[in-house]
Amino acid sequence: MSHDQSAVQGGIPSDLPPELSVLMGVYLLYWKFEEVVERINITPALSQNEHKLLINLPEPRRMGEMAAEMQMLPSTLTAIADGLEGKGMITRERDPDDRRAWRLGLTEKGVQNRHALMSRAVEILPRSLALRARKRKASRF
């Protein structure tokens, strides 16, 4: 086994403490999920951030909370919400608990597209991960 192959397994350096190995694994899985989601075609076409917003919106949520959770500026979330609202996938309404705040919710079309997106990702992701593992294994020989 070469030095390169023993130093890295599955894209994670083998000398990391277990806690960091777990975090790196989650990080790599997140990016693989992003890659898979980008390949899923939904009509109308969605941007990467629109995909993320749909996935992160199972029920009505305040825009400020969503922006913080998605680690983006409120103005960025507003632009993404504008796009999804224009495509008929989300609605904006005043938060009944704080009339100054806005909440985002899915329309029926948004619910259908969210479900389709997640179903396709669940189908594709395991195959994609298995293919990556086979390629890694083949490259060792």
N, C-alpha and C. Protein backbone atom coordinates (compact mmCIF):
# COMPACT_ATOMS: atom_id res chain seq x y z
N MET A 1 0.86 -1.18 0.00
CA MET A 1 0.00 0.00 0.00
C MET A 1 0.90 1.23 0.00
N SER A 2 0.61 2.20 -0.84
CA SER A 2 1.43 3.40 -0.92
C SER A 2 1.14 4.33 0.25
N HIS A 3 2.02 5.29 0.44
CA HIS A 3 1.86 6.26 1.52
C HIS A 3 0.55 7.03 1.37
N ASP A 4 0.21 7.43 0.12
CA ASP A 4 -1.02 8.19 -0.12
C ASP A 4 -2.26 7.39 0.27
N GLN A 5 -2.26 6.09 -0.03
CA GLN A 5 -3.43 5.27 0.26
C GLN A 5 -3.59 5.02 1.75
N SER A 6 -2.50 4.90 2.49
CA SER A 6 -2.62 4.65 3.92
C SER A 6 -2.93 5.92 4.70
N ALA A 7 -2.59 7.09 4.15
CA ALA A 7 -2.80 8.35 4.87
C ALA A 7 -4.23 8.85 4.77
N VAL A 8 -4.96 8.42 3.76
CA VAL A 8 -6.33 8.90 3.56
C VAL A 8 -7.23 7.71 3.24
N GLN A 9 -8.32 7.60 3.98
CA GLN A 9 -9.30 6.56 3.72
C GLN A 9 -10.65 7.21 3.53
N GLY A 10 -11.28 6.97 2.40
CA GLY A 10 -12.59 7.55 2.14
C GLY A 10 -12.59 9.06 2.09
N GLY A 11 -11.45 9.66 1.75
CA GLY A 11 -11.36 11.11 1.69
C GLY A 11 -11.07 11.76 3.03
N ILE A 12 -10.84 10.94 4.08
CA ILE A 12 -10.60 11.46 5.43
C ILE A 12 -9.22 11.01 5.88
N PRO A 13 -8.34 11.95 6.29
CA PRO A 13 -7.01 11.56 6.78
C PRO A 13 -7.13 10.57 7.94
N SER A 14 -6.36 9.50 7.88
CA SER A 14 -6.48 8.42 8.88
C SER A 14 -5.86 8.78 10.22
N ASP A 15 -5.10 9.88 10.30
CA ASP A 15 -4.48 10.23 11.58
C ASP A 15 -5.33 11.18 12.42
N LEU A 16 -6.55 11.47 11.99
CA LEU A 16 -7.42 12.36 12.77
C LEU A 16 -7.99 11.64 13.98
N PRO A 17 -8.19 12.38 15.07
CA PRO A 17 -8.88 11.78 16.22
C PRO A 17 -10.30 11.40 15.81
N PRO A 18 -10.91 10.40 16.47
CA PRO A 18 -12.24 9.93 16.08
C PRO A 18 -13.28 11.03 15.96
N GLU A 19 -13.28 12.00 16.86
CA GLU A 19 -14.27 13.07 16.82
C GLU A 19 -14.15 13.88 15.53
N LEU A 20 -12.92 14.16 15.12
CA LEU A 20 -12.72 14.92 13.88
C LEU A 20 -13.03 14.06 12.65
N SER A 21 -12.74 12.77 12.73
CA SER A 21 -13.09 11.87 11.62
C SER A 21 -14.59 11.87 11.39
N VAL A 22 -15.37 11.85 12.47
CA VAL A 22 -16.82 11.87 12.35
C VAL A 22 -17.27 13.19 11.70
N LEU A 23 -16.73 14.30 12.17
CA LEU A 23 -17.10 15.60 11.60
C LEU A 23 -16.73 15.68 10.12
N MET A 24 -15.55 15.18 9.77
CA MET A 24 -15.15 15.19 8.35
C MET A 24 -16.07 14.30 7.52
N GLY A 25 -16.49 13.17 8.09
CA GLY A 25 -17.41 12.28 7.38
C GLY A 25 -18.74 12.96 7.11
N VAL A 26 -19.23 13.69 8.11
CA VAL A 26 -20.49 14.43 7.93
C VAL A 26 -20.31 15.50 6.87
N TYR A 27 -19.19 16.20 6.91
CA TYR A 27 -18.88 17.24 5.94
C TYR A 27 -18.86 16.66 4.52
N LEU A 28 -18.17 15.54 4.33
CA LEU A 28 -18.09 14.92 3.01
C LEU A 28 -19.46 14.43 2.55
N LEU A 29 -20.24 13.87 3.46
CA LEU A 29 -21.58 13.42 3.12
C LEU A 29 -22.47 14.58 2.71
N TYR A 30 -22.33 15.71 3.42
CA TYR A 30 -23.10 16.92 3.07
C TYR A 30 -22.79 17.34 1.63
N TRP A 31 -21.50 17.39 1.28
CA TRP A 31 -21.14 17.83 -0.07
C TRP A 31 -21.58 16.82 -1.12
N LYS A 32 -21.57 15.54 -0.77
CA LYS A 32 -22.06 14.53 -1.70
C LYS A 32 -23.57 14.71 -1.91
N PHE A 33 -24.28 14.98 -0.83
CA PHE A 33 -25.72 15.23 -0.93
C PHE A 33 -25.98 16.44 -1.83
N GLU A 34 -25.22 17.52 -1.65
CA GLU A 34 -25.35 18.70 -2.49
C GLU A 34 -25.15 18.35 -3.97
N GLU A 35 -24.15 17.53 -4.24
CA GLU A 35 -23.86 17.12 -5.60
C GLU A 35 -25.03 16.33 -6.19
N VAL A 36 -25.60 15.44 -5.41
CA VAL A 36 -26.73 14.63 -5.86
C VAL A 36 -27.95 15.50 -6.11
N VAL A 37 -28.25 16.40 -5.19
CA VAL A 37 -29.43 17.26 -5.32
C VAL A 37 -29.33 18.14 -6.56
N GLU A 38 -28.13 18.60 -6.88
CA GLU A 38 -27.96 19.43 -8.08
C GLU A 38 -28.31 18.67 -9.35
N ARG A 39 -28.18 17.35 -9.35
CA ARG A 39 -28.47 16.55 -10.54
C ARG A 39 -29.95 16.24 -10.69
N ILE A 40 -30.75 16.53 -9.69
CA ILE A 40 -32.18 16.22 -9.75
C ILE A 40 -32.90 17.32 -10.51
N ASN A 41 -33.64 16.93 -11.51
CA ASN A 41 -34.38 17.88 -12.32
C ASN A 41 -35.81 18.00 -11.82
N ILE A 42 -36.17 19.20 -11.43
CA ILE A 42 -37.54 19.52 -11.03
C ILE A 42 -37.99 20.64 -11.94
N THR A 43 -39.24 20.60 -12.33
CA THR A 43 -39.78 21.64 -13.19
C THR A 43 -40.68 22.54 -12.37
N PRO A 44 -40.46 23.83 -12.39
CA PRO A 44 -39.40 24.55 -13.08
C PRO A 44 -38.05 24.31 -12.42
N ALA A 45 -36.99 24.58 -13.17
CA ALA A 45 -35.63 24.37 -12.66
C ALA A 45 -35.40 25.22 -11.41
N LEU A 46 -34.67 24.65 -10.46
CA LEU A 46 -34.37 25.33 -9.20
C LEU A 46 -32.87 25.51 -9.04
N SER A 47 -32.50 26.60 -8.39
CA SER A 47 -31.09 26.81 -8.07
C SER A 47 -30.72 25.95 -6.86
N GLN A 48 -29.45 25.85 -6.59
CA GLN A 48 -28.97 25.09 -5.43
C GLN A 48 -29.58 25.64 -4.14
N ASN A 49 -29.61 26.94 -3.99
CA ASN A 49 -30.19 27.54 -2.78
C ASN A 49 -31.70 27.34 -2.71
N GLU A 50 -32.38 27.31 -3.84
CA GLU A 50 -33.81 27.02 -3.83
C GLU A 50 -34.07 25.59 -3.39
N HIS A 51 -33.22 24.66 -3.85
CA HIS A 51 -33.31 23.28 -3.37
C HIS A 51 -33.18 23.24 -1.85
N LYS A 52 -32.16 23.92 -1.33
CA LYS A 52 -31.90 23.91 0.11
C LYS A 52 -33.10 24.47 0.89
N LEU A 53 -33.66 25.56 0.40
CA LEU A 53 -34.78 26.16 1.11
C LEU A 53 -35.98 25.22 1.12
N LEU A 54 -36.26 24.58 -0.01
CA LEU A 54 -37.38 23.63 -0.05
C LEU A 54 -37.17 22.50 0.96
N ILE A 55 -35.97 21.94 0.98
CA ILE A 55 -35.68 20.83 1.89
C ILE A 55 -35.82 21.27 3.35
N ASN A 56 -35.41 22.49 3.66
CA ASN A 56 -35.42 22.98 5.04
C ASN A 56 -36.74 23.61 5.46
N LEU A 57 -37.79 23.40 4.69
CA LEU A 57 -39.07 24.04 5.01
C LEU A 57 -40.21 23.02 5.08
N PRO A 58 -40.16 22.10 6.05
CA PRO A 58 -41.25 21.12 6.16
C PRO A 58 -42.54 21.72 6.69
N GLU A 59 -42.42 22.84 7.39
CA GLU A 59 -43.58 23.54 7.95
C GLU A 59 -43.27 25.02 7.94
N PRO A 60 -44.28 25.90 8.06
CA PRO A 60 -44.01 27.34 8.04
C PRO A 60 -42.97 27.75 9.07
N ARG A 61 -42.04 28.59 8.62
CA ARG A 61 -40.94 29.03 9.48
C ARG A 61 -40.68 30.51 9.28
N ARG A 62 -40.20 31.15 10.33
CA ARG A 62 -39.84 32.57 10.23
C ARG A 62 -38.60 32.73 9.37
N MET A 63 -38.62 33.77 8.56
CA MET A 63 -37.52 34.00 7.63
C MET A 63 -36.20 34.24 8.36
N GLY A 64 -36.22 34.98 9.45
CA GLY A 64 -34.99 35.23 10.19
C GLY A 64 -34.37 33.95 10.73
N GLU A 65 -35.21 33.06 11.23
CA GLU A 65 -34.73 31.76 11.72
C GLU A 65 -34.14 30.94 10.58
N MET A 66 -34.83 30.95 9.45
CA MET A 66 -34.34 30.19 8.28
C MET A 66 -32.99 30.71 7.81
N ALA A 67 -32.85 32.04 7.75
CA ALA A 67 -31.59 32.63 7.30
C ALA A 67 -30.45 32.21 8.24
N ALA A 68 -30.70 32.27 9.55
CA ALA A 68 -29.66 31.89 10.51
C ALA A 68 -29.32 30.41 10.36
N GLU A 69 -30.33 29.56 10.25
CA GLU A 69 -30.10 28.12 10.14
C GLU A 69 -29.36 27.76 8.86
N MET A 70 -29.69 28.45 7.79
CA MET A 70 -29.06 28.17 6.50
C MET A 70 -27.75 28.93 6.33
N GLN A 71 -27.35 29.67 7.35
CA GLN A 71 -26.10 30.42 7.38
C GLN A 71 -25.97 31.36 6.18
N MET A 72 -27.01 32.20 6.05
CA MET A 72 -26.99 33.20 4.98
C MET A 72 -27.60 34.50 5.48
N LEU A 73 -27.31 35.56 4.80
CA LEU A 73 -27.88 36.85 5.15
C LEU A 73 -29.38 36.84 4.90
N PRO A 74 -30.14 37.58 5.72
CA PRO A 74 -31.58 37.67 5.46
C PRO A 74 -31.91 38.16 4.06
N SER A 75 -31.10 39.07 3.53
CA SER A 75 -31.35 39.57 2.17
C SER A 75 -31.17 38.46 1.13
N THR A 76 -30.23 37.55 1.37
CA THR A 76 -30.02 36.42 0.46
C THR A 76 -31.23 35.49 0.51
N LEU A 77 -31.70 35.20 1.72
CA LEU A 77 -32.89 34.35 1.86
C LEU A 77 -34.09 35.00 1.20
N THR A 78 -34.23 36.30 1.33
CA THR A 78 -35.34 37.01 0.69
C THR A 78 -35.31 36.83 -0.82
N ALA A 79 -34.12 36.92 -1.41
CA ALA A 79 -33.99 36.74 -2.86
C ALA A 79 -34.36 35.32 -3.27
N ILE A 80 -33.95 34.33 -2.48
CA ILE A 80 -34.29 32.94 -2.78
C ILE A 80 -35.79 32.74 -2.65
N ALA A 81 -36.36 33.30 -1.58
CA ALA A 81 -37.81 33.19 -1.37
C ALA A 81 -38.57 33.86 -2.51
N ASP A 82 -38.08 35.00 -2.99
CA ASP A 82 -38.72 35.67 -4.13
C ASP A 82 -38.80 34.72 -5.33
N GLY A 83 -37.70 34.02 -5.60
CA GLY A 83 -37.67 33.09 -6.73
C GLY A 83 -38.66 31.95 -6.57
N LEU A 84 -38.69 31.35 -5.37
CA LEU A 84 -39.61 30.24 -5.13
C LEU A 84 -41.06 30.71 -5.10
N GLU A 85 -41.28 31.92 -4.61
CA GLU A 85 -42.64 32.46 -4.61
C GLU A 85 -43.10 32.70 -6.05
N GLY A 86 -42.20 33.20 -6.88
CA GLY A 86 -42.51 33.42 -8.29
C GLY A 86 -42.80 32.13 -9.04
N LYS A 87 -42.24 31.03 -8.56
CA LYS A 87 -42.46 29.72 -9.18
C LYS A 87 -43.65 29.00 -8.56
N GLY A 88 -44.33 29.68 -7.63
CA GLY A 88 -45.54 29.13 -7.02
C GLY A 88 -45.30 28.04 -6.00
N MET A 89 -44.10 28.01 -5.40
CA MET A 89 -43.78 26.93 -4.46
C MET A 89 -43.86 27.34 -2.99
N ILE A 90 -43.77 28.62 -2.71
CA ILE A 90 -43.88 29.07 -1.32
C ILE A 90 -44.81 30.28 -1.22
N THR A 91 -45.26 30.51 -0.01
CA THR A 91 -46.03 31.72 0.29
C THR A 91 -45.34 32.43 1.44
N ARG A 92 -45.60 33.71 1.54
CA ARG A 92 -45.12 34.52 2.66
C ARG A 92 -46.33 35.04 3.40
N GLU A 93 -46.26 34.94 4.72
CA GLU A 93 -47.36 35.48 5.53
C GLU A 93 -46.76 36.08 6.80
N ARG A 94 -47.50 36.99 7.38
CA ARG A 94 -47.06 37.57 8.65
C ARG A 94 -47.10 36.51 9.74
N ASP A 95 -46.12 36.55 10.62
CA ASP A 95 -46.09 35.63 11.75
C ASP A 95 -47.16 36.08 12.74
N PRO A 96 -48.10 35.20 13.09
CA PRO A 96 -49.17 35.60 14.01
C PRO A 96 -48.66 35.96 15.40
N ASP A 97 -47.47 35.47 15.77
CA ASP A 97 -46.90 35.78 17.09
C ASP A 97 -46.11 37.09 17.09
N ASP A 98 -45.71 37.57 15.92
CA ASP A 98 -44.94 38.81 15.81
C ASP A 98 -45.23 39.40 14.44
N ARG A 99 -46.13 40.35 14.39
CA ARG A 99 -46.59 40.92 13.12
C ARG A 99 -45.48 41.62 12.33
N ARG A 100 -44.32 41.85 12.96
CA ARG A 100 -43.19 42.45 12.22
C ARG A 100 -42.45 41.42 11.39
N ALA A 101 -42.58 40.16 11.77
CA ALA A 101 -41.82 39.08 11.12
C ALA A 101 -42.66 38.40 10.04
N TRP A 102 -41.95 37.80 9.09
CA TRP A 102 -42.59 37.05 8.01
C TRP A 102 -42.27 35.57 8.17
N ARG A 103 -43.23 34.75 7.78
CA ARG A 103 -43.04 33.30 7.75
C ARG A 103 -43.16 32.80 6.33
N LEU A 104 -42.38 31.79 6.02
CA LEU A 104 -42.47 31.13 4.73
C LEU A 104 -43.19 29.81 4.91
N GLY A 105 -44.02 29.45 3.97
CA GLY A 105 -44.71 28.17 3.98
C GLY A 105 -44.77 27.63 2.57
N LEU A 106 -44.91 26.33 2.46
CA LEU A 106 -44.99 25.68 1.15
C LEU A 106 -46.41 25.71 0.62
N THR A 107 -46.54 25.93 -0.67
CA THR A 107 -47.81 25.75 -1.36
C THR A 107 -47.95 24.25 -1.65
N GLU A 108 -49.06 23.84 -2.21
CA GLU A 108 -49.22 22.44 -2.58
C GLU A 108 -48.16 22.04 -3.60
N LYS A 109 -47.88 22.93 -4.55
CA LYS A 109 -46.83 22.66 -5.54
C LYS A 109 -45.47 22.53 -4.85
N GLY A 110 -45.21 23.36 -3.85
CA GLY A 110 -43.96 23.28 -3.10
C GLY A 110 -43.84 21.98 -2.33
N VAL A 111 -44.96 21.54 -1.72
CA VAL A 111 -44.97 20.27 -0.99
C VAL A 111 -44.66 19.12 -1.96
N GLN A 112 -45.28 19.13 -3.12
CA GLN A 112 -45.06 18.07 -4.11
C GLN A 112 -43.61 18.06 -4.59
N ASN A 113 -43.06 19.25 -4.87
CA ASN A 113 -41.67 19.33 -5.34
C ASN A 113 -40.69 18.96 -4.24
N ARG A 114 -40.98 19.33 -3.00
CA ARG A 114 -40.11 18.95 -1.87
C ARG A 114 -40.10 17.44 -1.73
N HIS A 115 -41.27 16.83 -1.80
CA HIS A 115 -41.36 15.38 -1.69
C HIS A 115 -40.60 14.70 -2.84
N ALA A 116 -40.79 15.18 -4.06
CA ALA A 116 -40.10 14.61 -5.22
C ALA A 116 -38.59 14.76 -5.08
N LEU A 117 -38.15 15.91 -4.64
CA LEU A 117 -36.72 16.17 -4.46
C LEU A 117 -36.12 15.21 -3.45
N MET A 118 -36.77 15.06 -2.31
CA MET A 118 -36.24 14.18 -1.27
C MET A 118 -36.31 12.71 -1.70
N SER A 119 -37.37 12.31 -2.36
CA SER A 119 -37.50 10.92 -2.82
C SER A 119 -36.40 10.58 -3.81
N ARG A 120 -36.15 11.47 -4.74
CA ARG A 120 -35.10 11.22 -5.74
C ARG A 120 -33.73 11.22 -5.10
N ALA A 121 -33.50 12.11 -4.14
CA ALA A 121 -32.20 12.14 -3.45
C ALA A 121 -31.97 10.84 -2.69
N VAL A 122 -33.00 10.32 -2.05
CA VAL A 122 -32.89 9.06 -1.31
C VAL A 122 -32.59 7.90 -2.26
N GLU A 123 -33.11 7.95 -3.47
CA GLU A 123 -32.83 6.92 -4.47
C GLU A 123 -31.40 7.02 -4.99
N ILE A 124 -30.97 8.24 -5.28
CA ILE A 124 -29.69 8.46 -5.95
C ILE A 124 -28.50 8.40 -4.99
N LEU A 125 -28.63 8.94 -3.81
CA LEU A 125 -27.49 9.07 -2.90
C LEU A 125 -26.82 7.74 -2.57
N PRO A 126 -27.56 6.70 -2.19
CA PRO A 126 -26.87 5.43 -1.89
C PRO A 126 -26.12 4.87 -3.09
N ARG A 127 -26.71 4.98 -4.28
CA ARG A 127 -26.02 4.49 -5.48
C ARG A 127 -24.77 5.30 -5.74
N SER A 128 -24.85 6.61 -5.54
CA SER A 128 -23.71 7.48 -5.77
C SER A 128 -22.59 7.18 -4.78
N LEU A 129 -22.95 6.96 -3.52
CA LEU A 129 -21.94 6.63 -2.51
C LEU A 129 -21.31 5.27 -2.79
N ALA A 130 -22.12 4.29 -3.22
CA ALA A 130 -21.60 2.96 -3.54
C ALA A 130 -20.64 3.04 -4.72
N LEU A 131 -20.99 3.83 -5.73
CA LEU A 131 -20.13 4.00 -6.90
C LEU A 131 -18.80 4.62 -6.48
N ARG A 132 -18.85 5.60 -5.63
CA ARG A 132 -17.62 6.24 -5.15
C ARG A 132 -16.75 5.24 -4.40
N ALA A 133 -17.38 4.41 -3.57
CA ALA A 133 -16.63 3.40 -2.82
C ALA A 133 -15.98 2.39 -3.76
N ARG A 134 -16.71 1.97 -4.82
CA ARG A 134 -16.14 1.03 -5.79
C ARG A 134 -14.96 1.65 -6.53
N LYS A 135 -15.09 2.91 -6.90
CA LYS A 135 -13.98 3.59 -7.60
C LYS A 135 -12.76 3.69 -6.69
N ARG A 136 -12.98 4.03 -5.42
CA ARG A 136 -11.88 4.12 -4.46
C ARG A 136 -11.18 2.77 -4.31
N LYS A 137 -11.99 1.72 -4.19
CA LYS A 137 -11.45 0.38 -4.01
C LYS A 137 -10.66 -0.04 -5.25
N ALA A 138 -11.19 0.25 -6.44
CA ALA A 138 -10.51 -0.11 -7.68
C ALA A 138 -9.20 0.65 -7.84
N SER A 139 -9.15 1.90 -7.35
CA SER A 139 -7.93 2.70 -7.51
C SER A 139 -6.80 2.21 -6.61
N ARG A 140 -7.12 1.40 -5.62
CA ARG A 140 -6.09 0.88 -4.71
C ARG A 140 -5.29 -0.22 -5.35
N PHE A 141 -5.84 -0.84 -6.38
CA PHE A 141 -5.16 -1.99 -6.99
C PHE A 141 -4.33 -1.59 -8.17
